């Protein structure tokens, strides 16, 4: 039964991940970057006892880099431009943010989940 439960949980998690990725992939670039950033905040909160909603993007990037050893800059830089600068994000930046999110997601999955 334990194996069945684990298999079921993995299936649900991968479905949620794919849904988030599809929404982000087909959204316009600015909205996609914001969605990816928010998904990353949720992923970090699932692995930590901290609440990252009050963190600045720079603080989140620093904490993420300390946690996963991967840079969050390809996601944070366009997020700051889109949210605080009102700039239009190009498809190249969107693609880089998307790849950054995927790498972070995979790295965070390897970290043990926090215990409540």
PDB file of N, CA and C in Angstrom:
ATOM      1  N   UNK A   1       0.809  -1.197   0.000  1.00  0.00           N
ATOM      2  CA  UNK A   1       0.000   0.000   0.000  1.00  0.00           C
ATOM      3  C   UNK A   1       0.853   1.263   0.000  1.00  0.00           C
ATOM      4  N   UNK A   2       1.990   1.203   0.673  1.00  0.00           N
ATOM      5  CA  UNK A   2       2.855   2.378   0.740  1.00  0.00           C
ATOM      6  C   UNK A   2       3.360   2.744  -0.653  1.00  0.00           C
ATOM      7  N   UNK A   3       3.753   1.732  -1.433  1.00  0.00           N
ATOM      8  CA  UNK A   3       4.227   1.997  -2.788  1.00  0.00           C
ATOM      9  C   UNK A   3       3.126   2.614  -3.648  1.00  0.00           C
ATOM     10  N   UNK A   4       1.904   2.128  -3.503  1.00  0.00           N
ATOM     11  CA  UNK A   4       0.781   2.663  -4.253  1.00  0.00           C
ATOM     12  C   UNK A   4       0.543   4.124  -3.882  1.00  0.00           C
ATOM     13  N   UNK A   5       0.581   4.430  -2.578  1.00  0.00           N
ATOM     14  CA  UNK A   5       0.378   5.808  -2.127  1.00  0.00           C
ATOM     15  C   UNK A   5       1.463   6.713  -2.692  1.00  0.00           C
ATOM     16  N   UNK A   6       2.722   6.263  -2.638  1.00  0.00           N
ATOM     17  CA  UNK A   6       3.830   7.069  -3.160  1.00  0.00           C
ATOM     18  C   UNK A   6       3.649   7.297  -4.662  1.00  0.00           C
ATOM     19  N   UNK A   7       3.284   6.262  -5.386  1.00  0.00           N
ATOM     20  CA  UNK A   7       3.069   6.379  -6.826  1.00  0.00           C
ATOM     21  C   UNK A   7       1.940   7.369  -7.125  1.00  0.00           C
ATOM     22  N   UNK A   8       0.876   7.307  -6.361  1.00  0.00           N
ATOM     23  CA  UNK A   8      -0.261   8.214  -6.527  1.00  0.00           C
ATOM     24  C   UNK A   8       0.162   9.647  -6.248  1.00  0.00           C
ATOM     25  N   UNK A   9       0.960   9.846  -5.176  1.00  0.00           N
ATOM     26  CA  UNK A   9       1.419  11.182  -4.805  1.00  0.00           C
ATOM     27  C   UNK A   9       2.331  11.751  -5.893  1.00  0.00           C
ATOM     28  N   UNK A  10       3.219  10.946  -6.431  1.00  0.00           N
ATOM     29  CA  UNK A  10       4.121  11.395  -7.492  1.00  0.00           C
ATOM     30  C   UNK A  10       3.324  11.792  -8.725  1.00  0.00           C
ATOM     31  N   UNK A  11       2.288  11.019  -9.045  1.00  0.00           N
ATOM     32  CA  UNK A  11       1.442  11.321 -10.195  1.00  0.00           C
ATOM     33  C   UNK A  11       0.735  12.664 -10.010  1.00  0.00           C
ATOM     34  N   UNK A  12       0.208  12.911  -8.829  1.00  0.00           N
ATOM     35  CA  UNK A  12      -0.470  14.181  -8.549  1.00  0.00           C
ATOM     36  C   UNK A  12       0.521  15.330  -8.624  1.00  0.00           C
ATOM     37  N   UNK A  13       1.699  15.172  -8.014  1.00  0.00           N
ATOM     38  CA  UNK A  13       2.709  16.232  -8.050  1.00  0.00           C
ATOM     39  C   UNK A  13       3.136  16.555  -9.467  1.00  0.00           C
ATOM     40  N   UNK A  14       3.343  15.539 -10.290  1.00  0.00           N
ATOM     41  CA  UNK A  14       3.762  15.812 -11.666  1.00  0.00           C
ATOM     42  C   UNK A  14       2.633  16.468 -12.465  1.00  0.00           C
ATOM     43  N   UNK A  15       1.380  16.144 -12.165  1.00  0.00           N
ATOM     44  CA  UNK A  15       0.256  16.794 -12.847  1.00  0.00           C
ATOM     45  C   UNK A  15       0.174  18.263 -12.469  1.00  0.00           C
ATOM     46  N   UNK A  16       0.381  18.570 -11.193  1.00  0.00           N
ATOM     47  CA  UNK A  16       0.369  19.967 -10.743  1.00  0.00           C
ATOM     48  C   UNK A  16       1.509  20.728 -11.403  1.00  0.00           C
ATOM     49  N   UNK A  17       2.696  20.121 -11.436  1.00  0.00           N
ATOM     50  CA  UNK A  17       3.863  20.746 -12.057  1.00  0.00           C
ATOM     51  C   UNK A  17       3.591  21.040 -13.533  1.00  0.00           C
ATOM     52  N   UNK A  18       3.051  20.063 -14.244  1.00  0.00           N
ATOM     53  CA  UNK A  18       2.775  20.247 -15.676  1.00  0.00           C
ATOM     54  C   UNK A  18       1.739  21.340 -15.900  1.00  0.00           C
ATOM     55  N   UNK A  19       0.724  21.419 -15.045  1.00  0.00           N
ATOM     56  CA  UNK A  19      -0.295  22.453 -15.157  1.00  0.00           C
ATOM     57  C   UNK A  19       0.325  23.834 -14.984  1.00  0.00           C
ATOM     58  N   UNK A  20       1.181  23.995 -13.967  1.00  0.00           N
ATOM     59  CA  UNK A  20       1.849  25.271 -13.744  1.00  0.00           C
ATOM     60  C   UNK A  20       2.730  25.631 -14.932  1.00  0.00           C
ATOM     61  N   UNK A  21       3.437  24.656 -15.460  1.00  0.00           N
ATOM     62  CA  UNK A  21       4.340  24.911 -16.572  1.00  0.00           C
ATOM     63  C   UNK A  21       3.563  25.314 -17.822  1.00  0.00           C
ATOM     64  N   UNK A  22       2.438  24.655 -18.073  1.00  0.00           N
ATOM     65  CA  UNK A  22       1.633  24.999 -19.249  1.00  0.00           C
ATOM     66  C   UNK A  22       1.079  26.408 -19.160  1.00  0.00           C
ATOM     67  N   UNK A  23       0.576  26.773 -17.970  1.00  0.00           N
ATOM     68  CA  UNK A  23       0.057  28.132 -17.800  1.00  0.00           C
ATOM     69  C   UNK A  23       1.151  29.158 -18.064  1.00  0.00           C
ATOM     70  N   UNK A  24       2.333  28.895 -17.548  1.00  0.00           N
ATOM     71  CA  UNK A  24       3.445  29.830 -17.708  1.00  0.00           C
ATOM     72  C   UNK A  24       3.949  29.865 -19.145  1.00  0.00           C
ATOM     73  N   UNK A  25       3.983  28.717 -19.778  1.00  0.00           N
ATOM     74  CA  UNK A  25       4.546  28.632 -21.127  1.00  0.00           C
ATOM     75  C   UNK A  25       3.696  29.378 -22.153  1.00  0.00           C
ATOM     76  N   UNK A  26       2.376  29.353 -21.979  1.00  0.00           N
ATOM     77  CA  UNK A  26       1.499  29.960 -22.975  1.00  0.00           C
ATOM     78  C   UNK A  26       1.023  31.363 -22.605  1.00  0.00           C
ATOM     79  N   UNK A  27       1.429  31.856 -21.445  1.00  0.00           N
ATOM     80  CA  UNK A  27       1.083  33.221 -21.053  1.00  0.00           C
ATOM     81  C   UNK A  27       2.026  34.193 -21.759  1.00  0.00           C
ATOM     82  N   UNK A  28       1.621  35.472 -21.829  1.00  0.00           N
ATOM     83  CA  UNK A  28       2.548  36.446 -22.397  1.00  0.00           C
ATOM     84  C   UNK A  28       3.768  36.535 -21.463  1.00  0.00           C
ATOM     85  N   UNK A  29       4.855  37.071 -21.958  1.00  0.00           N
ATOM     86  CA  UNK A  29       6.147  37.005 -21.269  1.00  0.00           C
ATOM     87  C   UNK A  29       6.105  37.621 -19.867  1.00  0.00           C
ATOM     88  N   UNK A  30       5.507  38.800 -19.727  1.00  0.00           N
ATOM     89  CA  UNK A  30       5.462  39.445 -18.407  1.00  0.00           C
ATOM     90  C   UNK A  30       4.675  38.612 -17.396  1.00  0.00           C
ATOM     91  N   UNK A  31       3.520  38.134 -17.807  1.00  0.00           N
ATOM     92  CA  UNK A  31       2.695  37.327 -16.909  1.00  0.00           C
ATOM     93  C   UNK A  31       3.395  36.009 -16.588  1.00  0.00           C
ATOM     94  N   UNK A  32       4.053  35.418 -17.562  1.00  0.00           N
ATOM     95  CA  UNK A  32       4.751  34.152 -17.354  1.00  0.00           C
ATOM     96  C   UNK A  32       5.850  34.287 -16.319  1.00  0.00           C
ATOM     97  N   UNK A  33       6.617  35.364 -16.391  1.00  0.00           N
ATOM     98  CA  UNK A  33       7.707  35.578 -15.433  1.00  0.00           C
ATOM     99  C   UNK A  33       7.149  35.745 -14.021  1.00  0.00           C
ATOM    100  N   UNK A  34       6.055  36.467 -13.880  1.00  0.00           N
ATOM    101  CA  UNK A  34       5.428  36.653 -12.568  1.00  0.00           C
ATOM    102  C   UNK A  34       4.902  35.312 -12.044  1.00  0.00           C
ATOM    103  N   UNK A  35       4.247  34.538 -12.914  1.00  0.00           N
ATOM    104  CA  UNK A  35       3.752  33.220 -12.510  1.00  0.00           C
ATOM    105  C   UNK A  35       4.893  32.313 -12.056  1.00  0.00           C
ATOM    106  N   UNK A  36       5.976  32.277 -12.830  1.00  0.00           N
ATOM    107  CA  UNK A  36       7.112  31.432 -12.483  1.00  0.00           C
ATOM    108  C   UNK A  36       7.735  31.852 -11.161  1.00  0.00           C
ATOM    109  N   UNK A  37       7.852  33.143 -10.946  1.00  0.00           N
ATOM    110  CA  UNK A  37       8.409  33.645  -9.687  1.00  0.00           C
ATOM    111  C   UNK A  37       7.527  33.220  -8.512  1.00  0.00           C
ATOM    112  N   UNK A  38       6.214  33.387  -8.660  1.00  0.00           N
ATOM    113  CA  UNK A  38       5.288  32.998  -7.589  1.00  0.00           C
ATOM    114  C   UNK A  38       5.311  31.492  -7.332  1.00  0.00           C
ATOM    115  N   UNK A  39       5.441  30.704  -8.386  1.00  0.00           N
ATOM    116  CA  UNK A  39       5.553  29.252  -8.221  1.00  0.00           C
ATOM    117  C   UNK A  39       6.834  28.908  -7.462  1.00  0.00           C
ATOM    118  N   UNK A  40       7.898  29.630  -7.784  1.00  0.00           N
ATOM    119  CA  UNK A  40       9.168  29.372  -7.097  1.00  0.00           C
ATOM    120  C   UNK A  40       9.054  29.717  -5.609  1.00  0.00           C
ATOM    121  N   UNK A  41       8.384  30.817  -5.295  1.00  0.00           N
ATOM    122  CA  UNK A  41       8.174  31.183  -3.888  1.00  0.00           C
ATOM    123  C   UNK A  41       7.423  30.052  -3.174  1.00  0.00           C
ATOM    124  N   UNK A  42       6.385  29.525  -3.788  1.00  0.00           N
ATOM    125  CA  UNK A  42       5.621  28.417  -3.193  1.00  0.00           C
ATOM    126  C   UNK A  42       6.497  27.188  -3.002  1.00  0.00           C
ATOM    127  N   UNK A  43       7.316  26.876  -4.000  1.00  0.00           N
ATOM    128  CA  UNK A  43       8.203  25.723  -3.895  1.00  0.00           C
ATOM    129  C   UNK A  43       9.203  25.889  -2.756  1.00  0.00           C
ATOM    130  N   UNK A  44       9.736  27.089  -2.607  1.00  0.00           N
ATOM    131  CA  UNK A  44      10.691  27.347  -1.530  1.00  0.00           C
ATOM    132  C   UNK A  44      10.010  27.244  -0.169  1.00  0.00           C
ATOM    133  N   UNK A  45       8.787  27.735  -0.065  1.00  0.00           N
ATOM    134  CA  UNK A  45       8.061  27.654   1.203  1.00  0.00           C
ATOM    135  C   UNK A  45       7.743  26.218   1.585  1.00  0.00           C
ATOM    136  N   UNK A  46       7.541  25.363   0.592  1.00  0.00           N
ATOM    137  CA  UNK A  46       7.284  23.949   0.871  1.00  0.00           C
ATOM    138  C   UNK A  46       8.509  23.253   1.439  1.00  0.00           C
ATOM    139  N   UNK A  47       9.687  23.760   1.143  1.00  0.00           N
ATOM    140  CA  UNK A  47      10.931  23.135   1.589  1.00  0.00           C
ATOM    141  C   UNK A  47      11.546  23.814   2.799  1.00  0.00           C
ATOM    142  N   UNK A  48      10.954  24.860   3.291  1.00  0.00           N
ATOM    143  CA  UNK A  48      11.549  25.634   4.368  1.00  0.00           C
ATOM    144  C   UNK A  48      10.500  25.999   5.407  1.00  0.00           C
ATOM    145  N   UNK A  49      10.960  26.425   6.544  1.00  0.00           N
ATOM    146  CA  UNK A  49      10.055  26.888   7.589  1.00  0.00           C
ATOM    147  C   UNK A  49       9.801  28.395   7.466  1.00  0.00           C
ATOM    148  N   UNK A  50      10.475  29.031   6.541  1.00  0.00           N
ATOM    149  CA  UNK A  50      10.336  30.470   6.345  1.00  0.00           C
ATOM    150  C   UNK A  50       9.180  30.781   5.408  1.00  0.00           C
ATOM    151  N   UNK A  51       8.660  32.001   5.536  1.00  0.00           N
ATOM    152  CA  UNK A  51       7.685  32.503   4.580  1.00  0.00           C
ATOM    153  C   UNK A  51       8.416  33.491   3.678  1.00  0.00           C
ATOM    154  N   UNK A  52       8.448  33.208   2.398  1.00  0.00           N
ATOM    155  CA  UNK A  52       9.216  34.013   1.458  1.00  0.00           C
ATOM    156  C   UNK A  52       8.398  35.121   0.803  1.00  0.00           C
ATOM    157  N   UNK A  53       7.129  35.241   1.145  1.00  0.00           N
ATOM    158  CA  UNK A  53       6.284  36.261   0.524  1.00  0.00           C
ATOM    159  C   UNK A  53       6.747  37.672   0.846  1.00  0.00           C
ATOM    160  N   UNK A  54       7.373  37.862   2.013  1.00  0.00           N
ATOM    161  CA  UNK A  54       7.837  39.193   2.411  1.00  0.00           C
ATOM    162  C   UNK A  54       9.278  39.463   1.977  1.00  0.00           C
ATOM    163  N   UNK A  55       9.940  38.467   1.396  1.00  0.00           N
ATOM    164  CA  UNK A  55      11.318  38.642   0.935  1.00  0.00           C
ATOM    165  C   UNK A  55      11.340  39.504  -0.322  1.00  0.00           C
ATOM    166  N   UNK A  56      12.378  40.310  -0.444  1.00  0.00           N
ATOM    167  CA  UNK A  56      12.588  41.010  -1.714  1.00  0.00           C
ATOM    168  C   UNK A  56      13.105  39.983  -2.717  1.00  0.00           C
ATOM    169  N   UNK A  57      13.001  40.270  -4.009  1.00  0.00           N
ATOM    170  CA  UNK A  57      13.540  39.329  -4.986  1.00  0.00           C
ATOM    171  C   UNK A  57      15.035  39.035  -4.767  1.00  0.00           C
ATOM    172  N   UNK A  58      15.786  40.041  -4.349  1.00  0.00           N
ATOM    173  CA  UNK A  58      17.211  39.841  -4.103  1.00  0.00           C
ATOM    174  C   UNK A  58      17.440  38.910  -2.916  1.00  0.00           C
ATOM    175  N   UNK A  59      16.638  39.077  -1.858  1.00  0.00           N
ATOM    176  CA  UNK A  59      16.761  38.198  -0.691  1.00  0.00           C
ATOM    177  C   UNK A  59      16.386  36.762  -1.048  1.00  0.00           C
ATOM    178  N   UNK A  60      15.333  36.613  -1.829  1.00  0.00           N
ATOM    179  CA  UNK A  60      14.925  35.281  -2.258  1.00  0.00           C
ATOM    180  C   UNK A  60      16.012  34.643  -3.115  1.00  0.00           C
ATOM    181  N   UNK A  61      16.601  35.429  -4.007  1.00  0.00           N
ATOM    182  CA  UNK A  61      17.664  34.902  -4.870  1.00  0.00           C
ATOM    183  C   UNK A  61      18.856  34.429  -4.042  1.00  0.00           C
ATOM    184  N   UNK A  62      19.222  35.206  -3.037  1.00  0.00           N
ATOM    185  CA  UNK A  62      20.350  34.845  -2.170  1.00  0.00           C
ATOM    186  C   UNK A  62      20.045  33.564  -1.404  1.00  0.00           C
ATOM    187  N   UNK A  63      18.847  33.493  -0.827  1.00  0.00           N
ATOM    188  CA  UNK A  63      18.475  32.302  -0.066  1.00  0.00           C
ATOM    189  C   UNK A  63      18.385  31.074  -0.977  1.00  0.00           C
ATOM    190  N   UNK A  64      17.855  31.251  -2.158  1.00  0.00           N
ATOM    191  CA  UNK A  64      17.754  30.149  -3.117  1.00  0.00           C
ATOM    192  C   UNK A  64      19.131  29.655  -3.501  1.00  0.00           C
ATOM    193  N   UNK A  65      20.038  30.585  -3.783  1.00  0.00           N
ATOM    194  CA  UNK A  65      21.392  30.196  -4.169  1.00  0.00           C
ATOM    195  C   UNK A  65      22.085  29.447  -3.029  1.00  0.00           C
ATOM    196  N   UNK A  66      21.847  29.877  -1.792  1.00  0.00           N
ATOM    197  CA  UNK A  66      22.413  29.173  -0.641  1.00  0.00           C
ATOM    198  C   UNK A  66      21.818  27.771  -0.495  1.00  0.00           C
ATOM    199  N   UNK A  67      20.552  27.627  -0.864  1.00  0.00           N
ATOM    200  CA  UNK A  67      19.858  26.349  -0.717  1.00  0.00           C
ATOM    201  C   UNK A  67      20.187  25.372  -1.838  1.00  0.00           C
ATOM    202  N   UNK A  68      20.155  25.845  -3.082  1.00  0.00           N
ATOM    203  CA  UNK A  68      20.289  24.944  -4.233  1.00  0.00           C
ATOM    204  C   UNK A  68      21.632  25.055  -4.960  1.00  0.00           C
ATOM    205  N   UNK A  69      22.413  26.065  -4.642  1.00  0.00           N
ATOM    206  CA  UNK A  69      23.691  26.343  -5.326  1.00  0.00           C
ATOM    207  C   UNK A  69      23.490  26.733  -6.790  1.00  0.00           C
ATOM    208  N   UNK A  70      22.280  27.112  -7.149  1.00  0.00           N
ATOM    209  CA  UNK A  70      21.974  27.558  -8.509  1.00  0.00           C
ATOM    210  C   UNK A  70      21.546  29.018  -8.471  1.00  0.00           C
ATOM    211  N   UNK A  71      21.922  29.769  -9.488  1.00  0.00           N
ATOM    212  CA  UNK A  71      21.555  31.179  -9.559  1.00  0.00           C
ATOM    213  C   UNK A  71      20.085  31.331  -9.943  1.00  0.00           C
ATOM    214  N   UNK A  72      19.437  32.278  -9.317  1.00  0.00           N
ATOM    215  CA  UNK A  72      18.040  32.592  -9.635  1.00  0.00           C
ATOM    216  C   UNK A  72      17.951  33.853 -10.498  1.00  0.00           C
ATOM    217  N   UNK A  73      19.088  34.411 -10.873  1.00  0.00           N
ATOM    218  CA  UNK A  73      19.115  35.671 -11.614  1.00  0.00           C
ATOM    219  C   UNK A  73      18.317  35.649 -12.917  1.00  0.00           C
ATOM    220  N   UNK A  74      18.366  34.560 -13.723  1.00  0.00           N
ATOM    221  CA  UNK A  74      17.561  34.567 -14.952  1.00  0.00           C
ATOM    222  C   UNK A  74      16.060  34.695 -14.718  1.00  0.00           C
ATOM    223  N   UNK A  75      15.610  34.402 -13.512  1.00  0.00           N
ATOM    224  CA  UNK A  75      14.196  34.561 -13.174  1.00  0.00           C
ATOM    225  C   UNK A  75      13.940  35.879 -12.456  1.00  0.00           C
ATOM    226  N   UNK A  76      14.842  36.271 -11.571  1.00  0.00           N
ATOM    227  CA  UNK A  76      14.641  37.477 -10.762  1.00  0.00           C
ATOM    228  C   UNK A  76      14.780  38.753 -11.588  1.00  0.00           C
ATOM    229  N   UNK A  77      15.760  38.793 -12.465  1.00  0.00           N
ATOM    230  CA  UNK A  77      16.004  40.017 -13.247  1.00  0.00           C
ATOM    231  C   UNK A  77      14.793  40.418 -14.088  1.00  0.00           C
ATOM    232  N   UNK A  78      14.215  39.507 -14.888  1.00  0.00           N
ATOM    233  CA  UNK A  78      13.016  39.910 -15.642  1.00  0.00           C
ATOM    234  C   UNK A  78      11.799  40.143 -14.742  1.00  0.00           C
ATOM    235  N   UNK A  79      11.725  39.438 -13.608  1.00  0.00           N
ATOM    236  CA  UNK A  79      10.625  39.669 -12.678  1.00  0.00           C
ATOM    237  C   UNK A  79      10.658  41.099 -12.157  1.00  0.00           C
ATOM    238  N   UNK A  80      11.837  41.559 -11.768  1.00  0.00           N
ATOM    239  CA  UNK A  80      11.978  42.931 -11.271  1.00  0.00           C
ATOM    240  C   UNK A  80      11.621  43.929 -12.375  1.00  0.00           C
ATOM    241  N   UNK A  81      12.086  43.674 -13.582  1.00  0.00           N
ATOM    242  CA  UNK A  81      11.775  44.567 -14.707  1.00  0.00           C
ATOM    243  C   UNK A  81      10.281  44.622 -14.987  1.00  0.00           C
ATOM    244  N   UNK A  82       9.640  43.473 -14.943  1.00  0.00           N
ATOM    245  CA  UNK A  82       8.206  43.409 -15.242  1.00  0.00           C
ATOM    246  C   UNK A  82       7.361  44.013 -14.124  1.00  0.00           C
ATOM    247  N   UNK A  83       7.692  43.705 -12.882  1.00  0.00           N
ATOM    248  CA  UNK A  83       6.859  44.154 -11.756  1.00  0.00           C
ATOM    249  C   UNK A  83       7.141  45.581 -11.325  1.00  0.00           C
ATOM    250  N   UNK A  84       8.399  45.922 -11.239  1.00  0.00           N
ATOM    251  CA  UNK A  84       8.756  47.215 -10.674  1.00  0.00           C
ATOM    252  C   UNK A  84       9.159  48.242 -11.714  1.00  0.00           C
ATOM    253  N   UNK A  85       9.594  47.780 -12.874  1.00  0.00           N
ATOM    254  CA  UNK A  85      10.024  48.706 -13.914  1.00  0.00           C
ATOM    255  C   UNK A  85       8.981  48.920 -14.987  1.00  0.00           C
ATOM    256  N   UNK A  86       7.991  48.049 -15.051  1.00  0.00           N
ATOM    257  CA  UNK A  86       6.954  48.160 -16.057  1.00  0.00           C
ATOM    258  C   UNK A  86       7.457  47.883 -17.464  1.00  0.00           C
ATOM    259  N   UNK A  87       8.603  47.243 -17.580  1.00  0.00           N
ATOM    260  CA  UNK A  87       9.191  46.962 -18.896  1.00  0.00           C
ATOM    261  C   UNK A  87       8.541  45.729 -19.517  1.00  0.00           C
ATOM    262  N   UNK A  88       8.560  45.691 -20.822  1.00  0.00           N
ATOM    263  CA  UNK A  88       8.099  44.514 -21.558  1.00  0.00           C
ATOM    264  C   UNK A  88       9.238  43.509 -21.606  1.00  0.00           C
ATOM    265  N   UNK A  89       8.926  42.272 -21.274  1.00  0.00           N
ATOM    266  CA  UNK A  89       9.920  41.205 -21.264  1.00  0.00           C
ATOM    267  C   UNK A  89       9.903  40.524 -22.628  1.00  0.00           C
ATOM    268  N   UNK A  90      11.081  40.248 -23.148  1.00  0.00           N
ATOM    269  CA  UNK A  90      11.186  39.565 -24.437  1.00  0.00           C
ATOM    270  C   UNK A  90      11.058  38.059 -24.285  1.00  0.00           C
ATOM    271  N   UNK A  91      10.855  37.386 -25.403  1.00  0.00           N
ATOM    272  CA  UNK A  91      10.714  35.932 -25.370  1.00  0.00           C
ATOM    273  C   UNK A  91      12.000  35.234 -24.954  1.00  0.00           C
ATOM    274  N   UNK A  92      13.157  35.855 -25.224  1.00  0.00           N
ATOM    275  CA  UNK A  92      14.436  35.258 -24.810  1.00  0.00           C
ATOM    276  C   UNK A  92      14.534  35.245 -23.282  1.00  0.00           C
ATOM    277  N   UNK A  93      14.146  36.356 -22.652  1.00  0.00           N
ATOM    278  CA  UNK A  93      14.170  36.422 -21.183  1.00  0.00           C
ATOM    279  C   UNK A  93      13.152  35.465 -20.579  1.00  0.00           C
ATOM    280  N   UNK A  94      12.000  35.341 -21.231  1.00  0.00           N
ATOM    281  CA  UNK A  94      10.982  34.408 -20.760  1.00  0.00           C
ATOM    282  C   UNK A  94      11.515  32.980 -20.821  1.00  0.00           C
ATOM    283  N   UNK A  95      12.170  32.632 -21.915  1.00  0.00           N
ATOM    284  CA  UNK A  95      12.724  31.283 -22.061  1.00  0.00           C
ATOM    285  C   UNK A  95      13.806  31.015 -21.018  1.00  0.00           C
ATOM    286  N   UNK A  96      14.652  32.011 -20.757  1.00  0.00           N
ATOM    287  CA  UNK A  96      15.704  31.854 -19.751  1.00  0.00           C
ATOM    288  C   UNK A  96      15.095  31.697 -18.357  1.00  0.00           C
ATOM    289  N   UNK A  97      14.052  32.473 -18.060  1.00  0.00           N
ATOM    290  CA  UNK A  97      13.370  32.366 -16.772  1.00  0.00           C
ATOM    291  C   UNK A  97      12.716  30.989 -16.622  1.00  0.00           C
ATOM    292  N   UNK A  98      12.141  30.503 -17.703  1.00  0.00           N
ATOM    293  CA  UNK A  98      11.497  29.196 -17.710  1.00  0.00           C
ATOM    294  C   UNK A  98      12.512  28.094 -17.419  1.00  0.00           C
ATOM    295  N   UNK A  99      13.668  28.149 -18.073  1.00  0.00           N
ATOM    296  CA  UNK A  99      14.729  27.159 -17.859  1.00  0.00           C
ATOM    297  C   UNK A  99      15.274  27.248 -16.432  1.00  0.00           C
ATOM    298  N   UNK A 100      15.415  28.459 -15.926  1.00  0.00           N
ATOM    299  CA  UNK A 100      15.876  28.671 -14.555  1.00  0.00           C
ATOM    300  C   UNK A 100      14.896  28.046 -13.570  1.00  0.00           C
ATOM    301  N   UNK A 101      13.618  28.282 -13.784  1.00  0.00           N
ATOM    302  CA  UNK A 101      12.594  27.713 -12.900  1.00  0.00           C
ATOM    303  C   UNK A 101      12.650  26.192 -12.914  1.00  0.00           C
ATOM    304  N   UNK A 102      12.766  25.602 -14.095  1.00  0.00           N
ATOM    305  CA  UNK A 102      12.818  24.142 -14.190  1.00  0.00           C
ATOM    306  C   UNK A 102      14.026  23.582 -13.445  1.00  0.00           C
ATOM    307  N   UNK A 103      15.178  24.224 -13.584  1.00  0.00           N
ATOM    308  CA  UNK A 103      16.382  23.768 -12.886  1.00  0.00           C
ATOM    309  C   UNK A 103      16.210  23.891 -11.368  1.00  0.00           C
ATOM    310  N   UNK A 104      15.619  25.000 -10.926  1.00  0.00           N
ATOM    311  CA  UNK A 104      15.384  25.195  -9.494  1.00  0.00           C
ATOM    312  C   UNK A 104      14.398  24.152  -8.968  1.00  0.00           C
ATOM    313  N   UNK A 105      13.361  23.890  -9.729  1.00  0.00           N
ATOM    314  CA  UNK A 105      12.353  22.911  -9.328  1.00  0.00           C
ATOM    315  C   UNK A 105      12.992  21.543  -9.124  1.00  0.00           C
ATOM    316  N   UNK A 106      13.834  21.142 -10.069  1.00  0.00           N
ATOM    317  CA  UNK A 106      14.495  19.837  -9.974  1.00  0.00           C
ATOM    318  C   UNK A 106      15.438  19.795  -8.778  1.00  0.00           C
ATOM    319  N   UNK A 107      16.162  20.877  -8.535  1.00  0.00           N
ATOM    320  CA  UNK A 107      17.085  20.923  -7.397  1.00  0.00           C
ATOM    321  C   UNK A 107      16.323  20.882  -6.071  1.00  0.00           C
ATOM    322  N   UNK A 108      15.193  21.580  -6.007  1.00  0.00           N
ATOM    323  CA  UNK A 108      14.412  21.600  -4.770  1.00  0.00           C
ATOM    324  C   UNK A 108      13.753  20.252  -4.485  1.00  0.00           C
ATOM    325  N   UNK A 109      13.440  19.512  -5.526  1.00  0.00           N
ATOM    326  CA  UNK A 109      12.827  18.186  -5.321  1.00  0.00           C
ATOM    327  C   UNK A 109      13.780  17.237  -4.626  1.00  0.00           C
ATOM    328  N   UNK A 110      15.065  17.471  -4.780  1.00  0.00           N
ATOM    329  CA  UNK A 110      16.064  16.596  -4.154  1.00  0.00           C
ATOM    330  C   UNK A 110      16.247  16.891  -2.667  1.00  0.00           C
ATOM    331  N   UNK A 111      15.742  18.050  -2.228  1.00  0.00           N
ATOM    332  CA  UNK A 111      15.856  18.437  -0.826  1.00  0.00           C
ATOM    333  C   UNK A 111      14.685  17.846  -0.056  1.00  0.00           C
ATOM    334  N   UNK A 112      14.966  17.339   1.143  1.00  0.00           N
ATOM    335  CA  UNK A 112      13.901  16.758   1.950  1.00  0.00           C
ATOM    336  C   UNK A 112      12.882  17.819   2.332  1.00  0.00           C
ATOM    337  N   UNK A 113      11.636  17.394   2.358  1.00  0.00           N
ATOM    338  CA  UNK A 113      10.538  18.310   2.702  1.00  0.00           C
ATOM    339  C   UNK A 113      10.605  18.645   4.182  1.00  0.00           C
ATOM    340  N   UNK A 114      10.226  19.875   4.495  1.00  0.00           N
ATOM    341  CA  UNK A 114      10.225  20.318   5.892  1.00  0.00           C
ATOM    342  C   UNK A 114       9.210  19.515   6.691  1.00  0.00           C
ATOM    343  N   UNK A 115       9.461  19.428   7.971  1.00  0.00           N
ATOM    344  CA  UNK A 115       8.534  18.721   8.861  1.00  0.00           C
ATOM    345  C   UNK A 115       7.748  19.746   9.661  1.00  0.00           C
ATOM    346  N   UNK A 116       6.430  19.663   9.575  1.00  0.00           N
ATOM    347  CA  UNK A 116       5.579  20.616  10.290  1.00  0.00           C
ATOM    348  C   UNK A 116       5.392  20.201  11.726  1.00  0.00           C
TER     349      UNK A 116
END
